[in-house]
PDB file of N, CA and C in Angstrom:
ATOM      1  N   MET A   1     266.075  76.723 274.472  1.00  0.00           N
ATOM      2  CA  MET A   1     267.043  76.146 275.906  1.00  0.00           C
ATOM      3  C   MET A   1     266.002  75.608 276.580  1.00  0.00           C
ATOM      4  N   LYS A   2     266.242  74.414 277.224  1.00  0.00           N
ATOM      5  CA  LYS A   2     265.486  73.835 278.120  1.00  0.00           C
ATOM      6  C   LYS A   2     265.780  74.074 279.292  1.00  0.00           C
ATOM      7  N   ASP A   3     264.328  73.902 280.208  1.00  0.00           N
ATOM      8  CA  ASP A   3     264.518  74.140 281.531  1.00  0.00           C
ATOM      9  C   ASP A   3     265.567  73.119 282.389  1.00  0.00           C
ATOM     10  N   LEU A   4     266.180  73.734 283.425  1.00  0.00           N
ATOM     11  CA  LEU A   4     267.303  72.751 284.119  1.00  0.00           C
ATOM     12  C   LEU A   4     266.379  71.719 284.904  1.00  0.00           C
ATOM     13  N   GLU A   5     267.026  70.591 285.044  1.00  0.00           N
ATOM     14  CA  GLU A   5     266.251  69.475 285.713  1.00  0.00           C
ATOM     15  C   GLU A   5     267.170  69.225 286.885  1.00  0.00           C
ATOM     16  N   ARG A   6     266.561  68.610 288.049  1.00  0.00           N
ATOM     17  CA  ARG A   6     267.381  68.183 289.157  1.00  0.00           C
ATOM     18  C   ARG A   6     268.376  67.183 288.889  1.00  0.00           C
ATOM     19  N   GLU A   7     268.076  66.410 288.107  1.00  0.00           N
ATOM     20  CA  GLU A   7     269.143  65.256 287.898  1.00  0.00           C
ATOM     21  C   GLU A   7     270.045  65.688 286.758  1.00  0.00           C
ATOM     22  N   ASP A   8     270.074  66.848 286.015  1.00  0.00           N
ATOM     23  CA  ASP A   8     271.197  67.193 285.147  1.00  0.00           C
ATOM     24  C   ASP A   8     272.686  67.152 285.833  1.00  0.00           C
ATOM     25  N   PRO A   9     273.457  66.618 285.216  1.00  0.00           N
ATOM     26  CA  PRO A   9     274.918  66.575 285.772  1.00  0.00           C
ATOM     27  C   PRO A   9     275.348  67.907 285.720  1.00  0.00           C
ATOM     28  N   PHE A  10     275.997  68.729 286.573  1.00  0.00           N
ATOM     29  CA  PHE A  10     276.748  69.996 286.717  1.00  0.00           C
ATOM     30  C   PHE A  10     278.198  69.733 286.618  1.00  0.00           C
ATOM     31  N   GLU A  11     278.703  68.662 286.129  1.00  0.00           N
ATOM     32  CA  GLU A  11     280.036  68.727 285.991  1.00  0.00           C
ATOM     33  C   GLU A  11     280.693  68.410 284.669  1.00  0.00           C
ATOM     34  N   LEU A  12     282.050  68.791 284.574  1.00  0.00           N
ATOM     35  CA  LEU A  12     282.456  68.714 283.341  1.00  0.00           C
ATOM     36  C   LEU A  12     282.992  67.191 282.887  1.00  0.00           C
ATOM     37  N   ILE A  13     282.628  66.711 281.862  1.00  0.00           N
ATOM     38  CA  ILE A  13     282.772  65.481 281.260  1.00  0.00           C
ATOM     39  C   ILE A  13     283.930  65.477 280.264  1.00  0.00           C
ATOM     40  N   GLY A  14     284.965  64.814 280.316  1.00  0.00           N
ATOM     41  CA  GLY A  14     286.052  64.895 279.199  1.00  0.00           C
ATOM     42  C   GLY A  14     285.726  63.594 278.188  1.00  0.00           C
ATOM     43  N   THR A  15     285.901  63.892 277.024  1.00  0.00           N
ATOM     44  CA  THR A  15     285.856  62.855 276.102  1.00  0.00           C
ATOM     45  C   THR A  15     287.211  62.823 275.273  1.00  0.00           C
ATOM     46  N   GLY A  16     287.633  61.650 275.104  1.00  0.00           N
ATOM     47  CA  GLY A  16     288.824  61.506 274.448  1.00  0.00           C
ATOM     48  C   GLY A  16     288.586  61.118 272.920  1.00  0.00           C
ATOM     49  N   TYR A  17     289.445  61.530 271.981  1.00  0.00           N
ATOM     50  CA  TYR A  17     289.548  61.242 270.373  1.00  0.00           C
ATOM     51  C   TYR A  17     290.616  60.996 269.886  1.00  0.00           C
ATOM     52  N   PRO A  18     290.831  60.057 268.835  1.00  0.00           N
ATOM     53  CA  PRO A  18     291.918  60.047 268.405  1.00  0.00           C
ATOM     54  C   PRO A  18     292.647  61.203 267.409  1.00  0.00           C
ATOM     55  N   VAL A  19     294.000  61.285 267.496  1.00  0.00           N
ATOM     56  CA  VAL A  19     294.710  62.302 266.966  1.00  0.00           C
ATOM     57  C   VAL A  19     295.809  61.398 266.147  1.00  0.00           C
ATOM     58  N   ALA A  20     296.329  62.294 265.138  1.00  0.00           N
ATOM     59  CA  ALA A  20     297.480  61.704 264.527  1.00  0.00           C
ATOM     60  C   ALA A  20     298.751  61.671 265.005  1.00  0.00           C
ATOM     61  N   ASN A  21     299.063  62.707 265.968  1.00  0.00           N
ATOM     62  CA  ASN A  21     300.405  62.507 266.592  1.00  0.00           C
ATOM     63  C   ASN A  21     300.197  62.775 267.917  1.00  0.00           C
ATOM     64  N   PRO A  22     299.744  61.778 268.754  1.00  0.00           N
ATOM     65  CA  PRO A  22     299.763  61.943 270.108  1.00  0.00           C
ATOM     66  C   PRO A  22     300.862  63.150 270.945  1.00  0.00           C
ATOM     67  N   GLU A  23     301.997  62.701 270.635  1.00  0.00           N
ATOM     68  CA  GLU A  23     303.116  63.482 271.230  1.00  0.00           C
ATOM     69  C   GLU A  23     303.272  64.903 270.947  1.00  0.00           C
ATOM     70  N   GLU A  24     302.855  65.087 269.798  1.00  0.00           N
ATOM     71  CA  GLU A  24     302.783  66.532 269.200  1.00  0.00           C
ATOM     72  C   GLU A  24     301.533  67.124 269.828  1.00  0.00           C
ATOM     73  N   THR A  25     300.454  66.684 269.987  1.00  0.00           N
ATOM     74  CA  THR A  25     299.139  67.137 270.645  1.00  0.00           C
ATOM     75  C   THR A  25     299.418  67.306 271.970  1.00  0.00           C
ATOM     76  N   ASP A  26     300.197  66.499 272.601  1.00  0.00           N
ATOM     77  CA  ASP A  26     300.380  66.682 274.353  1.00  0.00           C
ATOM     78  C   ASP A  26     301.653  67.927 274.249  1.00  0.00           C
ATOM     79  N   ARG A  27     302.343  67.984 273.204  1.00  0.00           N
ATOM     80  CA  ARG A  27     303.478  69.238 273.254  1.00  0.00           C
ATOM     81  C   ARG A  27     302.717  70.592 273.253  1.00  0.00           C
ATOM     82  N   ILE A  28     301.683  70.614 272.270  1.00  0.00           N
ATOM     83  CA  ILE A  28     301.075  71.822 272.078  1.00  0.00           C
ATOM     84  C   ILE A  28     300.261  72.043 272.943  1.00  0.00           C
ATOM     85  N   THR A  29     299.555  71.285 273.634  1.00  0.00           N
ATOM     86  CA  THR A  29     298.672  71.471 274.867  1.00  0.00           C
ATOM     87  C   THR A  29     299.234  72.021 275.930  1.00  0.00           C
ATOM     88  N   ALA A  30     300.362  71.097 276.240  1.00  0.00           N
ATOM     89  CA  ALA A  30     301.037  71.323 277.485  1.00  0.00           C
ATOM     90  C   ALA A  30     301.781  72.823 277.149  1.00  0.00           C
ATOM     91  N   ARG A  31     302.231  73.205 276.267  1.00  0.00           N
ATOM     92  CA  ARG A  31     302.920  74.487 276.085  1.00  0.00           C
ATOM     93  C   ARG A  31     301.704  75.656 276.270  1.00  0.00           C
ATOM     94  N   CYS A  32     300.617  75.472 275.787  1.00  0.00           N
ATOM     95  CA  CYS A  32     299.398  76.504 275.960  1.00  0.00           C
ATOM     96  C   CYS A  32     299.309  76.490 277.253  1.00  0.00           C
ATOM     97  N   ILE A  33     299.204  75.358 278.256  1.00  0.00           N
ATOM     98  CA  ILE A  33     299.255  75.539 279.693  1.00  0.00           C
ATOM     99  C   ILE A  33     300.269  76.357 280.269  1.00  0.00           C
ATOM    100  N   VAL A  34     301.463  75.802 279.907  1.00  0.00           N
ATOM    101  CA  VAL A  34     302.265  76.532 280.587  1.00  0.00           C
ATOM    102  C   VAL A  34     302.386  78.110 280.222  1.00  0.00           C
ATOM    103  N   GLU A  35     302.122  78.385 279.159  1.00  0.00           N
ATOM    104  CA  GLU A  35     302.055  79.963 278.633  1.00  0.00           C
ATOM    105  C   GLU A  35     300.871  80.726 279.615  1.00  0.00           C
ATOM    106  N   GLU A  36     299.828  79.828 279.545  1.00  0.00           N
ATOM    107  CA  GLU A  36     298.846  80.637 280.343  1.00  0.00           C
ATOM    108  C   GLU A  36     299.115  80.974 281.863  1.00  0.00           C
ATOM    109  N   TYR A  37     299.628  79.876 282.497  1.00  0.00           N
ATOM    110  CA  TYR A  37     300.178  80.239 283.801  1.00  0.00           C
ATOM    111  C   TYR A  37     301.280  81.185 283.946  1.00  0.00           C
ATOM    112  N   ALA A  38     302.192  81.292 282.897  1.00  0.00           N
ATOM    113  CA  ALA A  38     303.147  82.227 282.768  1.00  0.00           C
ATOM    114  C   ALA A  38     302.639  83.657 282.966  1.00  0.00           C
ATOM    115  N   LEU A  39     301.445  83.833 281.727  1.00  0.00           N
ATOM    116  CA  LEU A  39     301.049  84.973 281.585  1.00  0.00           C
ATOM    117  C   LEU A  39     300.350  85.551 283.026  1.00  0.00           C
ATOM    118  N   THR A  40     299.963  84.671 283.716  1.00  0.00           N
ATOM    119  CA  THR A  40     299.231  84.979 285.032  1.00  0.00           C
ATOM    120  C   THR A  40     299.886  85.230 286.046  1.00  0.00           C
ATOM    121  N   GLY A  41     301.309  85.053 285.985  1.00  0.00           N
ATOM    122  CA  GLY A  41     302.260  85.401 287.064  1.00  0.00           C
ATOM    123  C   GLY A  41     302.796  84.431 287.740  1.00  0.00           C
ATOM    124  N   PHE A  42     302.540  83.125 287.135  1.00  0.00           N
ATOM    125  CA  PHE A  42     303.472  82.084 287.749  1.00  0.00           C
ATOM    126  C   PHE A  42     304.651  81.996 287.546  1.00  0.00           C
ATOM    127  N   ALA A  43     305.327  81.416 288.618  1.00  0.00           N
ATOM    128  CA  ALA A  43     306.930  81.115 288.231  1.00  0.00           C
ATOM    129  C   ALA A  43     307.143  79.592 287.678  1.00  0.00           C
ATOM    130  N   ALA A  44     308.162  79.741 287.151  1.00  0.00           N
ATOM    131  CA  ALA A  44     308.485  78.374 286.175  1.00  0.00           C
ATOM    132  C   ALA A  44     308.337  77.139 287.278  1.00  0.00           C
ATOM    133  N   THR A  45     308.895  77.451 288.174  1.00  0.00           N
ATOM    134  CA  THR A  45     309.029  76.156 289.472  1.00  0.00           C
ATOM    135  C   THR A  45     307.445  76.064 289.874  1.00  0.00           C
ATOM    136  N   ASP A  46     306.930  76.879 289.882  1.00  0.00           N
ATOM    137  CA  ASP A  46     305.430  76.628 290.336  1.00  0.00           C
ATOM    138  C   ASP A  46     304.550  75.969 289.359  1.00  0.00           C
ATOM    139  N   ILE A  47     304.743  76.318 287.969  1.00  0.00           N
ATOM    140  CA  ILE A  47     304.158  75.499 286.905  1.00  0.00           C
ATOM    141  C   ILE A  47     304.596  74.104 286.892  1.00  0.00           C
ATOM    142  N   LEU A  48     305.801  73.753 287.347  1.00  0.00           N
ATOM    143  CA  LEU A  48     306.008  72.441 287.032  1.00  0.00           C
ATOM    144  C   LEU A  48     305.381  71.685 288.192  1.00  0.00           C
ATOM    145  N   VAL A  49     305.291  72.323 289.438  1.00  0.00           N
ATOM    146  CA  VAL A  49     304.561  71.612 290.472  1.00  0.00           C
ATOM    147  C   VAL A  49     303.123  71.360 290.169  1.00  0.00           C
ATOM    148  N   LEU A  50     302.365  72.209 289.214  1.00  0.00           N
ATOM    149  CA  LEU A  50     300.984  72.172 288.756  1.00  0.00           C
ATOM    150  C   LEU A  50     301.106  71.006 288.104  1.00  0.00           C
ATOM    151  N   PHE A  51     302.077  70.579 286.993  1.00  0.00           N
ATOM    152  CA  PHE A  51     302.126  69.412 286.383  1.00  0.00           C
ATOM    153  C   PHE A  51     302.190  68.120 287.057  1.00  0.00           C
ATOM    154  N   GLN A  52     302.888  68.282 288.358  1.00  0.00           N
ATOM    155  CA  GLN A  52     303.167  67.134 289.147  1.00  0.00           C
ATOM    156  C   GLN A  52     302.019  66.908 290.057  1.00  0.00           C
ATOM    157  N   SER A  53     301.132  67.559 290.107  1.00  0.00           N
ATOM    158  CA  SER A  53     299.864  67.282 291.043  1.00  0.00           C
ATOM    159  C   SER A  53     298.724  66.895 290.303  1.00  0.00           C
ATOM    160  N   PRO A  54     298.177  65.844 290.852  1.00  0.00           N
ATOM    161  CA  PRO A  54     297.223  65.100 290.370  1.00  0.00           C
ATOM    162  C   PRO A  54     295.717  66.057 290.405  1.00  0.00           C
ATOM    163  N   LEU A  55     295.941  67.107 291.255  1.00  0.00           N
ATOM    164  CA  LEU A  55     294.695  67.872 291.365  1.00  0.00           C
ATOM    165  C   LEU A  55     294.421  68.642 290.092  1.00  0.00           C
ATOM    166  N   TYR A  56     295.553  68.924 289.069  1.00  0.00           N
ATOM    167  CA  TYR A  56     295.378  69.451 287.863  1.00  0.00           C
ATOM    168  C   TYR A  56     295.246  68.336 286.791  1.00  0.00           C
ATOM    169  N   ALA A  57     294.281  67.654 286.355  1.00  0.00           N
ATOM    170  CA  ALA A  57     294.379  66.329 285.894  1.00  0.00           C
ATOM    171  C   ALA A  57     294.938  66.441 284.368  1.00  0.00           C
ATOM    172  N   HIS A  58     294.436  67.555 283.731  1.00  0.00           N
ATOM    173  CA  HIS A  58     294.879  67.426 282.310  1.00  0.00           C
ATOM    174  C   HIS A  58     296.503  67.627 282.117  1.00  0.00           C
ATOM    175  N   SER A  59     297.023  68.465 282.820  1.00  0.00           N
ATOM    176  CA  SER A  59     298.356  68.770 282.888  1.00  0.00           C
ATOM    177  C   SER A  59     299.103  67.709 283.188  1.00  0.00           C
ATOM    178  N   HIS A  60     298.762  67.007 284.601  1.00  0.00           N
ATOM    179  CA  HIS A  60     299.171  65.748 285.277  1.00  0.00           C
ATOM    180  C   HIS A  60     299.137  64.694 284.213  1.00  0.00           C
ATOM    181  N   ALA A  61     297.887  64.580 283.734  1.00  0.00           N
ATOM    182  CA  ALA A  61     297.957  63.394 282.675  1.00  0.00           C
ATOM    183  C   ALA A  61     299.199  63.281 281.718  1.00  0.00           C
ATOM    184  N   ILE A  62     299.479  64.835 281.118  1.00  0.00           N
ATOM    185  CA  ILE A  62     300.441  64.946 280.044  1.00  0.00           C
ATOM    186  C   ILE A  62     301.908  64.637 280.849  1.00  0.00           C
ATOM    187  N   TYR A  63     301.928  64.979 282.133  1.00  0.00           N
ATOM    188  CA  TYR A  63     303.170  64.958 282.975  1.00  0.00           C
ATOM    189  C   TYR A  63     303.373  63.167 283.020  1.00  0.00           C
ATOM    190  N   GLN A  64     302.225  62.450 283.325  1.00  0.00           N
ATOM    191  CA  GLN A  64     302.680  61.053 283.612  1.00  0.00           C
ATOM    192  C   GLN A  64     302.786  60.398 282.042  1.00  0.00           C
ATOM    193  N   ARG A  65     302.499  60.867 280.994  1.00  0.00           N
ATOM    194  CA  ARG A  65     302.537  60.304 279.841  1.00  0.00           C
ATOM    195  C   ARG A  65     303.958  60.524 279.198  1.00  0.00           C
ATOM    196  N   ARG A  66     304.274  61.704 279.361  1.00  0.00           N
ATOM    197  CA  ARG A  66     305.458  62.155 278.746  1.00  0.00           C
ATOM    198  C   ARG A  66     306.920  62.613 279.688  1.00  0.00           C
ATOM    199  N   GLY A  67     306.450  62.549 280.936  1.00  0.00           N
ATOM    200  CA  GLY A  67     307.756  62.582 281.840  1.00  0.00           C
ATOM    201  C   GLY A  67     308.083  64.031 282.297  1.00  0.00           C
ATOM    202  N   VAL A  68     309.090  64.304 283.435  1.00  0.00           N
ATOM    203  CA  VAL A  68     309.397  65.576 283.874  1.00  0.00           C
ATOM    204  C   VAL A  68     310.250  66.145 282.876  1.00  0.00           C
ATOM    205  N   GLU A  69     311.052  65.688 282.117  1.00  0.00           N
ATOM    206  CA  GLU A  69     311.925  66.219 281.145  1.00  0.00           C
ATOM    207  C   GLU A  69     311.165  66.912 280.016  1.00  0.00           C
ATOM    208  N   PHE A  70     310.206  66.227 279.513  1.00  0.00           N
ATOM    209  CA  PHE A  70     309.383  66.833 278.451  1.00  0.00           C
ATOM    210  C   PHE A  70     308.675  68.163 278.717  1.00  0.00           C
ATOM    211  N   VAL A  71     308.199  68.142 280.245  1.00  0.00           N
ATOM    212  CA  VAL A  71     307.669  69.469 280.768  1.00  0.00           C
ATOM    213  C   VAL A  71     308.576  70.546 280.947  1.00  0.00           C
ATOM    214  N   ARG A  72     309.779  70.163 281.506  1.00  0.00           N
ATOM    215  CA  ARG A  72     310.917  71.075 281.764  1.00  0.00           C
ATOM    216  C   ARG A  72     311.155  71.599 280.494  1.00  0.00           C
ATOM    217  N   ASP A  73     311.308  71.086 279.550  1.00  0.00           N
ATOM    218  CA  ASP A  73     311.751  71.302 278.281  1.00  0.00           C
ATOM    219  C   ASP A  73     310.653  72.619 277.782  1.00  0.00           C
ATOM    220  N   LEU A  74     309.341  72.211 277.874  1.00  0.00           N
ATOM    221  CA  LEU A  74     308.463  73.246 277.653  1.00  0.00           C
ATOM    222  C   LEU A  74     308.455  74.453 278.544  1.00  0.00           C
ATOM    223  N   ILE A  75     308.757  74.326 279.605  1.00  0.00           N
ATOM    224  CA  ILE A  75     308.852  75.390 280.630  1.00  0.00           C
ATOM    225  C   ILE A  75     310.000  76.307 280.199  1.00  0.00           C
ATOM    226  N   ASP A  76     311.273  75.620 279.751  1.00  0.00           N
ATOM    227  CA  ASP A  76     312.580  76.402 279.412  1.00  0.00           C
ATOM    228  C   ASP A  76     312.104  77.300 277.919  1.00  0.00           C
ATOM    229  N   GLU A  77     311.256  76.534 277.186  1.00  0.00           N
ATOM    230  CA  GLU A  77     310.957  77.401 276.046  1.00  0.00           C
ATOM    231  C   GLU A  77     310.224  78.471 276.281  1.00  0.00           C
ATOM    232  N   VAL A  78     309.505  78.602 277.151  1.00  0.00           N
ATOM    233  CA  VAL A  78     308.691  79.779 277.416  1.00  0.00           C
ATOM    234  C   VAL A  78     309.214  80.544 278.240  1.00  0.00           C
ATOM    235  N   PHE A  79     309.998  80.341 279.300  1.00  0.00           N
ATOM    236  CA  PHE A  79     310.688  81.122 280.012  1.00  0.00           C
ATOM    237  C   PHE A  79     312.332  81.488 279.981  1.00  0.00           C
ATOM    238  N   GLY A  80     312.782  80.792 278.992  1.00  0.00           N
ATOM    239  CA  GLY A  80     313.955  80.760 278.749  1.00  0.00           C
ATOM    240  C   GLY A  80     314.892  79.869 279.564  1.00  0.00           C
ATOM    241  N   SER A  81     316.130  79.281 279.024  1.00  0.00           N
ATOM    242  CA  SER A  81     316.771  78.148 279.744  1.00  0.00           C
ATOM    243  C   SER A  81     317.631  78.659 281.025  1.00  0.00           C
ATOM    244  N   SER A  82     317.787  79.986 280.797  1.00  0.00           N
ATOM    245  CA  SER A  82     318.581  80.727 281.862  1.00  0.00           C
ATOM    246  C   SER A  82     317.971  81.021 283.375  1.00  0.00           C
ATOM    247  N   GLN A  83     316.869  80.504 283.598  1.00  0.00           N
ATOM    248  CA  GLN A  83     316.161  81.121 284.714  1.00  0.00           C
ATOM    249  C   GLN A  83     316.580  80.179 286.041  1.00  0.00           C
TER     250      GLN A  83
END
């Protein structure tokens, strides 16, 4: 392990990579995000707000690419459509 240097970046840096099926990759990723927030006690409506917020970059990027119905369908899968 090397010593920390003053100029070392201490921020997360995302890297994109090609996938065979981008929509399926977004579906799996978004569903994991929905499940994670659901397990920590967030309500379905609150999770939708997180996807709509640019402060949550990864989920918001999926929201922008796939739209609100895509996200609502995943939330309904996790919570059940009767909520």
